[in-house]
Protein backbone atom coordinates (compact mmCIF):
# COMPACT_ATOMS: atom_id res chain seq x y z
CA UNK A 1 0.02 -0.02 0.03
CA UNK A 2 1.30 3.44 -0.98
CA UNK A 3 2.49 5.82 1.78
CA UNK A 4 1.02 9.31 1.65
CA UNK A 5 2.23 12.26 3.70
CA UNK A 6 -0.40 15.03 4.13
CA UNK A 7 0.73 18.27 5.70
CA UNK A 8 -1.99 20.26 7.52
CA UNK A 9 -4.19 17.18 7.68
CA UNK A 10 -5.87 18.24 10.94
CA UNK A 11 -7.22 21.45 9.31
CA UNK A 12 -10.40 21.94 7.36
CA UNK A 13 -9.72 20.71 3.85
CA UNK A 14 -6.83 18.54 4.87
CA UNK A 15 -9.08 16.50 7.19
CA UNK A 16 -11.70 16.07 4.41
CA UNK A 17 -8.98 14.91 2.09
CA UNK A 18 -7.63 12.33 4.60
CA UNK A 19 -11.17 11.04 5.05
CA UNK A 20 -11.29 10.50 1.27
CA UNK A 21 -8.00 8.53 1.20
CA UNK A 22 -7.39 6.81 4.46
CA UNK A 23 -8.94 3.43 3.55
CA UNK A 24 -6.79 3.16 0.41
CA UNK A 25 -3.39 4.34 1.58
CA UNK A 26 -1.13 4.48 4.64
CA UNK A 27 -1.57 8.13 5.69
CA UNK A 28 0.99 10.11 7.68
CA UNK A 29 -0.15 13.54 8.81
CA UNK A 30 2.20 16.35 9.79
CA UNK A 31 0.39 19.17 11.50
CA UNK A 32 1.46 21.96 13.87
CA UNK A 33 -2.01 21.97 15.44
CA UNK A 34 -2.31 25.79 15.41
CA UNK A 35 -5.59 27.51 16.26
CA UNK A 36 -7.22 26.19 13.09
CA UNK A 37 -6.17 22.54 13.32
CA UNK A 38 -7.48 19.98 15.75
CA UNK A 39 -7.29 16.15 16.01
CA UNK A 40 -11.07 16.14 16.57
CA UNK A 41 -11.28 16.58 12.80
CA UNK A 42 -9.66 13.17 12.36
CA UNK A 43 -11.91 11.15 14.68
CA UNK A 44 -12.42 7.58 13.40
CA UNK A 45 -9.74 8.06 10.73
CA UNK A 46 -6.90 5.75 10.15
CA UNK A 47 -3.72 7.88 10.10
CA UNK A 48 -0.61 8.64 12.23
CA UNK A 49 -0.15 12.34 13.14
CA UNK A 50 3.24 13.97 13.88
CA UNK A 51 2.69 17.22 15.77
CA UNK A 52 5.41 19.23 14.02
CA UNK A 53 5.87 22.45 12.11
CA UNK A 54 6.82 21.83 8.48
CA UNK A 55 9.70 24.31 9.00
CA UNK A 56 11.31 21.96 11.48
CA UNK A 57 14.54 19.95 10.78
CA UNK A 58 12.92 16.63 11.60
CA UNK A 59 10.82 16.58 8.35
CA UNK A 60 13.34 14.52 6.25
CA UNK A 61 13.47 11.94 9.01
CA UNK A 62 9.64 11.63 9.12
CA UNK A 63 9.56 11.09 5.35
CA UNK A 64 12.36 8.55 5.47
CA UNK A 65 11.04 6.57 8.51
CA UNK A 66 7.63 6.12 6.89
CA UNK A 67 8.98 5.56 3.30
CA UNK A 68 6.73 8.27 1.93
CA UNK A 69 5.84 8.02 -1.76
CA UNK A 70 3.66 11.08 -2.21
CA UNK A 71 3.47 14.45 -0.37
CA UNK A 72 0.18 16.35 -0.41
CA UNK A 73 1.16 19.83 0.77
CA UNK A 74 -1.88 21.51 2.48
CA UNK A 75 -0.32 23.08 5.61
CA UNK A 76 -0.71 26.85 5.37
CA UNK A 77 -1.87 30.02 7.01
CA UNK A 78 -5.02 30.88 4.96
CA UNK A 79 -7.10 33.77 6.40
CA UNK A 80 -6.77 36.96 4.45
CA UNK A 81 -7.68 39.25 7.39
CA UNK A 82 -5.01 37.67 9.59
CA UNK A 83 -2.47 38.10 6.80
CA UNK A 84 -3.23 41.80 6.74
CA UNK A 85 -2.69 42.06 10.47
CA UNK A 86 0.33 39.74 10.71
CA UNK A 87 1.95 39.15 7.31
CA UNK A 88 5.21 37.82 8.72
CA UNK A 89 3.52 34.71 10.14
CA UNK A 90 2.16 33.94 6.72
CA UNK A 91 5.47 34.36 4.87
CA UNK A 92 7.16 32.14 7.44
CA UNK A 93 4.73 29.25 7.08
CA UNK A 94 3.59 29.58 3.54
CA UNK A 95 7.02 30.26 1.97
CA UNK A 96 9.78 29.13 4.30
CA UNK A 97 7.70 26.19 5.51
CA UNK A 98 7.14 25.03 1.91
CA UNK A 99 10.84 25.56 1.14
CA UNK A 100 11.74 23.28 4.00
CA UNK A 101 9.23 20.69 2.87
CA UNK A 102 10.48 20.54 -0.70
CA UNK A 103 14.11 20.63 0.54
CA UNK A 104 13.35 17.78 2.83
CA UNK A 105 11.59 15.78 0.08
CA UNK A 106 14.66 16.01 -2.16
CA UNK A 107 16.99 15.21 0.70
CA UNK A 108 14.92 12.08 1.36
CA UNK A 109 15.02 11.18 -2.43
CA UNK A 110 11.93 8.92 -2.31
CA UNK A 111 9.13 11.20 -3.44
CA UNK A 112 7.28 10.13 -6.60
CA UNK A 113 4.71 12.92 -6.50
CA UNK A 114 4.61 16.32 -4.74
CA UNK A 115 1.08 17.77 -4.71
CA UNK A 116 0.84 21.37 -3.60
CA UNK A 117 -2.48 22.98 -2.89
CA UNK A 118 -2.58 26.70 -3.73
CA UNK A 119 -5.67 28.90 -4.02
CA UNK A 120 -7.64 30.72 -6.73
CA UNK A 121 -6.66 33.98 -4.97
CA UNK A 122 -3.19 33.80 -6.57
CA UNK A 123 -4.89 35.06 -9.79
CA UNK A 124 -6.15 38.20 -8.06
CA UNK A 125 -9.39 39.89 -9.09
CA UNK A 126 -11.01 38.68 -12.38
CA UNK A 127 -13.08 41.36 -14.14
CA UNK A 128 -16.07 41.28 -16.46
CA UNK A 129 -17.03 37.78 -17.67
CA UNK A 130 -13.44 36.58 -17.84
CA UNK A 131 -12.21 33.40 -16.10
CA UNK A 132 -8.68 32.51 -15.10
CA UNK A 133 -7.31 29.34 -16.61
CA UNK A 134 -4.15 27.67 -15.42
CA UNK A 135 -1.97 29.96 -17.62
CA UNK A 136 -3.58 33.21 -16.39
CA UNK A 137 -1.16 35.78 -15.00
CA UNK A 138 -0.70 35.67 -11.27
CA UNK A 139 -1.71 38.87 -9.54
CA UNK A 140 -2.06 38.33 -5.83
CA UNK A 141 -3.30 41.24 -3.78
CA UNK A 142 -3.00 40.15 -0.10
CA UNK A 143 -0.05 38.91 1.89
CA UNK A 144 -1.82 35.52 2.03
CA UNK A 145 -2.31 35.21 -1.66
CA UNK A 146 1.19 36.56 -2.40
CA UNK A 147 2.74 33.98 -0.03
CA UNK A 148 0.83 31.13 -1.75
CA UNK A 149 1.86 32.39 -5.23
CA UNK A 150 5.44 32.71 -4.08
CA UNK A 151 5.46 29.11 -2.78
CA UNK A 152 4.05 27.91 -6.08
CA UNK A 153 6.72 29.70 -8.02
CA UNK A 154 9.42 28.36 -5.75
CA UNK A 155 8.10 24.77 -6.27
CA UNK A 156 7.91 25.36 -10.04
CA UNK A 157 11.61 26.34 -10.02
CA UNK A 158 12.37 23.14 -8.18
CA UNK A 159 10.44 21.19 -10.81
CA UNK A 160 12.66 22.55 -13.57
CA UNK A 161 16.01 22.72 -11.74
CA UNK A 162 15.84 19.66 -9.54
CA UNK A 163 13.27 17.48 -11.25
CA UNK A 164 10.67 17.73 -8.48
CA UNK A 165 7.57 15.64 -9.57
CA UNK A 166 5.24 18.55 -8.95
CA UNK A 167 1.55 18.94 -9.43
CA UNK A 168 -0.10 22.30 -8.49
CA UNK A 169 -3.78 22.51 -7.60
CA UNK A 170 -5.65 25.75 -7.26
CA UNK A 171 -9.13 25.32 -5.64
CA UNK A 172 -11.87 27.95 -5.20
CA UNK A 173 -13.44 28.73 -1.95
CA UNK A 174 -14.68 25.70 0.01
CA UNK A 175 -17.51 25.29 2.57
CA UNK A 176 -18.37 22.36 4.76
CA UNK A 177 -18.48 20.96 8.32
CA UNK A 178 -15.61 21.65 10.75
CA UNK A 179 -14.30 24.76 9.00
CA UNK A 180 -12.72 27.28 11.32
CA UNK A 181 -15.17 30.01 12.22
CA UNK A 182 -12.92 32.85 10.93
CA UNK A 183 -14.20 32.04 7.39
CA UNK A 184 -17.30 33.71 5.96
CA UNK A 185 -19.85 30.89 6.13
CA UNK A 186 -19.12 29.43 9.61
CA UNK A 187 -18.42 32.94 10.84
CA UNK A 188 -21.89 34.02 9.82
CA UNK A 189 -23.62 30.85 11.09
CA UNK A 190 -21.90 30.76 14.50
CA UNK A 191 -22.51 34.47 15.20
CA UNK A 192 -26.20 34.08 14.41
CA UNK A 193 -26.35 30.96 16.68
CA UNK A 194 -24.90 33.07 19.53
CA UNK A 195 -27.52 35.80 18.98
CA UNK A 196 -25.05 38.20 17.36
CA UNK A 197 -25.54 39.85 13.94
CA UNK A 198 -23.69 38.60 10.88
CA UNK A 199 -20.86 40.93 9.80
CA UNK A 200 -21.00 42.47 6.32
CA UNK A 201 -17.74 44.09 5.10
CA UNK A 202 -18.51 47.09 2.88
CA UNK A 203 -21.45 46.53 0.53
CA UNK A 204 -20.84 42.88 0.20
CA UNK A 205 -20.71 42.98 -3.51
CA UNK A 206 -17.47 40.93 -3.79
CA UNK A 207 -17.97 37.66 -5.71
CA UNK A 208 -16.48 34.29 -4.68
CA UNK A 209 -16.73 30.85 -6.19
CA UNK A 210 -17.98 28.16 -3.88
CA UNK A 211 -17.55 24.37 -3.65
CA UNK A 212 -18.26 21.81 -0.96
CA UNK A 213 -15.13 20.52 0.80
CA UNK A 214 -16.00 16.84 0.14
CA UNK A 215 -16.21 17.48 -3.60
CA UNK A 216 -12.87 19.40 -3.48
CA UNK A 217 -11.24 16.59 -1.55
CA UNK A 218 -12.56 14.03 -3.93
CA UNK A 219 -11.12 15.64 -7.05
CA UNK A 220 -7.78 16.37 -5.29
CA UNK A 221 -7.63 12.57 -4.68
CA UNK A 222 -8.33 11.93 -8.47
CA UNK A 223 -5.62 14.36 -9.45
CA UNK A 224 -3.15 12.81 -7.04
CA UNK A 225 -3.85 9.40 -8.59
CA UNK A 226 -4.27 10.26 -12.25
CA UNK A 227 -2.94 13.77 -12.78
CA UNK A 228 0.12 14.43 -14.93
CA UNK A 229 3.38 15.37 -13.33
CA UNK A 230 4.31 19.02 -14.16
CA UNK A 231 0.73 20.13 -14.63
CA UNK A 232 -1.36 22.73 -12.85
CA UNK A 233 -5.07 22.11 -12.24
CA UNK A 234 -7.85 24.64 -11.32
CA UNK A 235 -10.63 23.15 -9.19
CA UNK A 236 -13.81 25.25 -9.37
CA UNK A 237 -17.59 24.94 -9.27
CA UNK A 238 -18.65 27.86 -11.54
CA UNK A 239 -21.04 28.85 -8.65
CA UNK A 240 -20.15 32.53 -8.09
CA UNK A 241 -22.05 34.46 -5.48
CA UNK A 242 -21.75 37.94 -3.86
CA UNK A 243 -20.76 37.84 -0.19
CA UNK A 244 -24.01 39.77 0.64
CA UNK A 245 -26.06 36.96 -0.99
CA UNK A 246 -24.16 34.31 0.90
CA UNK A 247 -25.12 35.93 4.17
CA UNK A 248 -28.73 36.39 3.08
CA UNK A 249 -28.88 32.72 2.02
CA UNK A 250 -27.69 31.63 5.44
CA UNK A 251 -30.18 33.87 7.28
CA UNK A 252 -33.06 32.62 5.01
CA UNK A 253 -32.25 28.99 5.77
CA UNK A 254 -31.78 29.51 9.46
CA UNK A 255 -35.25 31.15 9.57
CA UNK A 256 -36.60 28.14 7.63
CA UNK A 257 -35.04 25.76 10.15
CA UNK A 258 -36.59 27.56 13.05
CA UNK A 259 -33.61 29.28 14.65
CA UNK A 260 -34.13 32.48 16.63
CA UNK A 261 -32.13 35.24 15.08
CA UNK A 262 -31.27 38.76 16.14
CA UNK A 263 -33.83 41.50 15.29
CA UNK A 264 -31.22 43.17 13.11
CA UNK A 265 -29.41 40.10 11.67
CA UNK A 266 -26.65 41.94 9.76
CA UNK A 267 -24.13 44.61 10.97
CA UNK A 268 -22.39 46.61 8.32
CA UNK A 269 -18.78 47.59 8.88
CA UNK A 270 -15.94 49.04 6.82
CA UNK A 271 -14.56 46.88 3.96
CA UNK A 272 -11.16 45.46 4.56
CA UNK A 273 -8.16 46.77 2.62
CA UNK A 274 -7.65 45.26 -0.85
CA UNK A 275 -10.80 43.18 -0.92
CA UNK A 276 -10.75 41.64 -4.41
CA UNK A 277 -13.94 42.24 -6.37
CA UNK A 278 -14.31 38.86 -8.13
CA UNK A 279 -12.79 35.44 -8.30
CA UNK A 280 -13.59 33.14 -11.19
CA UNK A 281 -11.51 30.25 -12.39
CA UNK A 282 -11.75 28.13 -15.59
CA UNK A 283 -11.93 24.55 -14.33
CA UNK A 284 -12.68 22.99 -17.73
CA UNK A 285 -9.27 21.23 -17.85
CA UNK A 286 -10.11 19.20 -14.80
CA UNK A 287 -13.71 18.53 -15.91
CA UNK A 288 -12.52 17.40 -19.31
CA UNK A 289 -10.01 14.98 -17.85
CA UNK A 290 -11.86 13.65 -14.80
CA UNK A 291 -15.55 14.39 -15.42
CA UNK A 292 -17.91 16.67 -13.50
CA UNK A 293 -17.34 16.27 -9.77
CA UNK A 294 -19.91 18.59 -8.03
CA UNK A 295 -22.34 16.58 -5.92
CA UNK A 296 -23.22 19.08 -3.15
CA UNK A 297 -24.46 22.36 -4.52
CA UNK A 298 -24.65 25.87 -3.10
CA UNK A 299 -26.83 27.10 -1.49
CA UNK A 300 -28.71 23.87 -0.87
CA UNK A 301 -25.74 22.51 1.02
CA UNK A 302 -26.01 25.30 3.61
CA UNK A 303 -28.58 23.44 5.63
CA UNK A 304 -26.18 20.59 6.31
CA UNK A 305 -23.51 23.12 7.48
CA UNK A 306 -26.03 25.12 9.67
CA UNK A 307 -27.16 21.91 11.40
CA UNK A 308 -23.56 20.77 11.92
CA UNK A 309 -22.55 23.94 13.75
CA UNK A 310 -25.74 23.99 15.67
CA UNK A 311 -25.11 20.39 16.91
CA UNK A 312 -21.37 20.82 17.51
CA UNK A 313 -21.17 24.00 19.49
CA UNK A 314 -18.45 22.48 21.67
CA UNK A 315 -16.20 22.41 18.62
CA UNK A 316 -15.96 26.25 18.54
CA UNK A 317 -17.25 27.39 21.98
CA UNK A 318 -13.90 28.69 23.10
CA UNK A 319 -13.28 30.75 19.88
CA UNK A 320 -13.97 34.43 19.87
CA UNK A 321 -16.20 35.10 16.88
CA UNK A 322 -15.23 38.81 16.94
CA UNK A 323 -11.47 38.33 16.96
CA UNK A 324 -10.85 38.88 13.23
CA UNK A 325 -13.38 41.59 12.31
CA UNK A 326 -11.71 44.32 10.35
CA UNK A 327 -11.81 47.65 12.16
CA UNK A 328 -10.60 51.01 10.93
CA UNK A 329 -8.78 51.77 14.22
CA UNK A 330 -7.12 48.36 14.56
CA UNK A 331 -3.37 48.25 14.45
CA UNK A 332 -2.71 46.54 11.12
CA UNK A 333 0.86 45.87 10.10
CA UNK A 334 1.28 47.04 6.49
C-alpha cells in the first residue's frame, strides 16, 4: 500500500482529504495544530499524526522513516484578514515552510509525487465575464495570496532545476463541516447561533466561487492518482455568489429551520483593505480529464452546515467570533 504524507491534515480541507484516502493508503499527517487545526477533525480516521511544524529539521526523518511515496502539501496560514494584520507569520509558514518541505523531500529522495494545494486567490481579481485558466497571469493582492503564489513559483523552479515531480492545484473557496469559524460561512452561522448579527464588510458585492469541501477533496484525490506530473489544475464549481447573497442565504435557511435570530441580523462595517472584487476560475481542464465532480451544490448544502454547527457548539465554544473583524482603528501591520 502506498504511503502518503499530508501536511496540515488536521485542518479543514486537509481532514476532508484524509477522510477520502485513509482506507486506500497508509496516511501520515504532519500538523502543527495551530488555532485552526484539531485532531477532533480526524476522529475515526486511520492515520498517524506527527505534531510538528513543516519548517522543522525533523521533516526529512519523518519522510524517510515512513517511506513516503507522495506528499500532499496542504499546511498553510490561509485567512486573508489575519495576513493583513500579521503578514510575517504567513510568509514564514507559506513560503519558508514550503521551502523546508521541498528541500526535505529532495533530501529524502523517495518522493514520486509532490502535490501542492494553492488557491484561486493567486490570480487576483478577475473582471467582467473573464475566467482565469491555469496559464492566467498571477496577480495576488493580499499577503496571504502573495505567499501562496510565491510558494508555487518556488516549487515550479524546483520542478525545472531539480526534477521535483510537482503537481499544482488551485481550488476555489470551500464550505463544509468543521471549517474554522474565521471563514465567511461558519463565521456568519456561529455568530447568528450566538444571537449576534452577521458581519458584512463594505457593501458585500465581492464575488467568490464556492464548492463543498467533500467535492474538492474527492477531485484532489483523483488528481493525485491520475494527474500528470508537471501540470497545474484549477478546481472550481462555476457557482459565483456575492458575499451579501451568501449571508442572506444563510439567514433565510436559518429562519426556515426555526432558529431564533437577532432582530437586526446583519451589521455593516468598513470593508477590509484590498478586498478583491471577483474570483472566477476556468476549471474545464479538470472537468474534461476527470468528469464533472460537483455533488453538493450551493446554496442547498448550507442546511447541512447550519445543522452541523448547531449540533457541534463544543467544537468552537472557546473561539472568539469577533477576533478577526476588520476595524478602521485596529493596528494593522502594512
